[in-house]
């Protein structure tokens, strides 16, 4: 009987505990480390502009939209304007991030490094 009550208690507590939502991580794109504030801001701006697409039957992990913005980055050649693109699913989960600069595409990978750019997009 004690085992049953222990199992019941654990089941009830686990049901009442809210799920932990995965936070957006920082992403390293060659020499640039984008912070989660910037990435979340891109996602928020993109969803505002994609409201009409929400009526369709989108699946998790299916590309829903791509958000993009330009950023001026200091480089050995001076200031370079790069285009940052973020692919996301309908649940606002990051699927892919890449940077386009100097006619090249640089993939971005999650990192624990401190970001060197972590600002929200201008309103």
Protein backbone atom coordinates (compact mmCIF):
# COMPACT_ATOMS: atom_id res chain seq x y z
CA UNK A 1 0.00 0.00 0.00
CA UNK A 2 2.87 2.37 0.77
CA UNK A 3 4.38 1.76 -2.66
CA UNK A 4 1.08 2.57 -4.33
CA UNK A 5 0.72 5.84 -2.41
CA UNK A 6 4.32 6.80 -3.20
CA UNK A 7 3.81 6.14 -6.91
CA UNK A 8 0.52 8.05 -6.84
CA UNK A 9 2.18 11.00 -5.12
CA UNK A 10 5.00 11.10 -7.67
CA UNK A 11 2.53 10.88 -10.55
CA UNK A 12 0.43 13.73 -9.16
CA UNK A 13 3.44 15.94 -8.45
CA UNK A 14 4.95 15.36 -11.89
CA UNK A 15 1.60 16.20 -13.47
CA UNK A 16 1.30 19.45 -11.51
CA UNK A 17 4.85 20.58 -12.20
CA UNK A 18 4.95 22.87 -15.25
CA UNK A 19 7.09 21.77 -18.17
CA UNK A 20 10.47 23.35 -18.56
CA UNK A 21 10.67 25.29 -21.79
CA UNK A 22 14.02 25.20 -23.52
CA UNK A 23 15.54 28.64 -23.70
CA UNK A 24 17.10 29.92 -26.88
CA UNK A 25 20.85 29.53 -26.70
CA UNK A 26 23.58 31.75 -28.05
CA UNK A 27 24.90 30.93 -31.53
CA UNK A 28 28.44 31.21 -32.88
CA UNK A 29 28.64 32.34 -36.50
CA UNK A 30 32.35 32.31 -37.30
CA UNK A 31 33.68 35.28 -35.24
CA UNK A 32 30.25 36.59 -34.27
CA UNK A 33 28.39 35.20 -31.25
CA UNK A 34 24.70 36.12 -31.36
CA UNK A 35 22.87 36.30 -28.05
CA UNK A 36 19.50 34.82 -27.24
CA UNK A 37 17.94 38.30 -26.88
CA UNK A 38 18.72 39.05 -30.53
CA UNK A 39 17.52 35.65 -31.75
CA UNK A 40 14.28 35.83 -29.74
CA UNK A 41 13.72 39.34 -31.10
CA UNK A 42 14.11 38.13 -34.70
CA UNK A 43 11.62 35.34 -34.03
CA UNK A 44 9.10 37.74 -32.43
CA UNK A 45 9.34 40.23 -35.33
CA UNK A 46 8.95 37.44 -37.87
CA UNK A 47 5.85 35.99 -36.21
CA UNK A 48 4.13 39.38 -36.22
CA UNK A 49 4.56 39.48 -40.00
CA UNK A 50 3.52 35.84 -40.54
CA UNK A 51 0.14 35.77 -38.73
CA UNK A 52 -1.72 34.84 -41.94
CA UNK A 53 0.28 31.63 -42.31
CA UNK A 54 -0.81 30.37 -38.87
CA UNK A 55 -4.13 29.08 -40.24
CA UNK A 56 -2.40 26.22 -42.05
CA UNK A 57 -1.55 22.85 -40.51
CA UNK A 58 2.11 23.31 -39.59
CA UNK A 59 4.04 20.50 -37.93
CA UNK A 60 6.73 20.91 -35.24
CA UNK A 61 10.24 21.02 -36.74
CA UNK A 62 8.81 22.01 -40.13
CA UNK A 63 10.20 25.30 -41.45
CA UNK A 64 7.50 27.91 -40.88
CA UNK A 65 9.33 31.16 -41.63
CA UNK A 66 12.70 32.82 -42.01
CA UNK A 67 13.52 36.04 -40.20
CA UNK A 68 16.44 38.20 -41.27
CA UNK A 69 18.19 41.43 -40.40
CA UNK A 70 21.34 43.31 -41.33
CA UNK A 71 24.10 43.92 -38.84
CA UNK A 72 27.27 45.98 -39.22
CA UNK A 73 30.22 43.97 -37.88
CA UNK A 74 33.79 45.12 -37.35
CA UNK A 75 36.19 42.99 -39.42
CA UNK A 76 39.84 43.10 -40.45
CA UNK A 77 38.63 44.82 -43.63
CA UNK A 78 36.72 47.47 -41.66
CA UNK A 79 32.96 47.48 -41.15
CA UNK A 80 31.14 44.70 -42.99
CA UNK A 81 27.36 44.46 -43.28
CA UNK A 82 26.18 40.89 -42.72
CA UNK A 83 22.74 39.39 -43.18
CA UNK A 84 21.61 37.10 -40.36
CA UNK A 85 18.88 34.60 -41.23
CA UNK A 86 16.95 32.51 -38.71
CA UNK A 87 14.72 29.60 -39.81
CA UNK A 88 12.03 28.69 -37.27
CA UNK A 89 9.11 26.34 -36.84
CA UNK A 90 5.56 27.23 -35.82
CA UNK A 91 6.44 26.71 -32.14
CA UNK A 92 9.09 29.46 -32.41
CA UNK A 93 11.91 26.94 -32.18
CA UNK A 94 15.15 27.76 -34.02
CA UNK A 95 15.79 25.30 -36.84
CA UNK A 96 18.80 26.95 -38.47
CA UNK A 97 20.81 30.16 -38.27
CA UNK A 98 23.25 31.37 -40.88
CA UNK A 99 25.16 34.54 -41.70
CA UNK A 100 25.65 35.80 -45.24
CA UNK A 101 28.69 38.03 -45.69
CA UNK A 102 31.11 38.79 -48.50
CA UNK A 103 29.24 36.44 -50.88
CA UNK A 104 29.65 33.52 -48.48
CA UNK A 105 27.28 31.65 -46.18
CA UNK A 106 28.51 30.83 -42.67
CA UNK A 107 26.51 28.31 -40.61
CA UNK A 108 25.90 29.07 -36.94
CA UNK A 109 26.06 26.55 -34.11
CA UNK A 110 24.72 26.72 -30.53
CA UNK A 111 27.32 27.77 -27.98
CA UNK A 112 27.69 28.62 -24.32
CA UNK A 113 30.08 31.46 -25.15
CA UNK A 114 29.29 34.99 -24.08
CA UNK A 115 27.65 36.88 -26.97
CA UNK A 116 29.33 39.86 -28.55
CA UNK A 117 25.95 41.00 -29.92
CA UNK A 118 22.86 40.58 -27.74
CA UNK A 119 20.52 43.48 -28.51
CA UNK A 120 16.84 43.34 -29.47
CA UNK A 121 15.89 44.48 -32.95
CA UNK A 122 14.76 48.09 -33.20
CA UNK A 123 10.98 48.42 -32.97
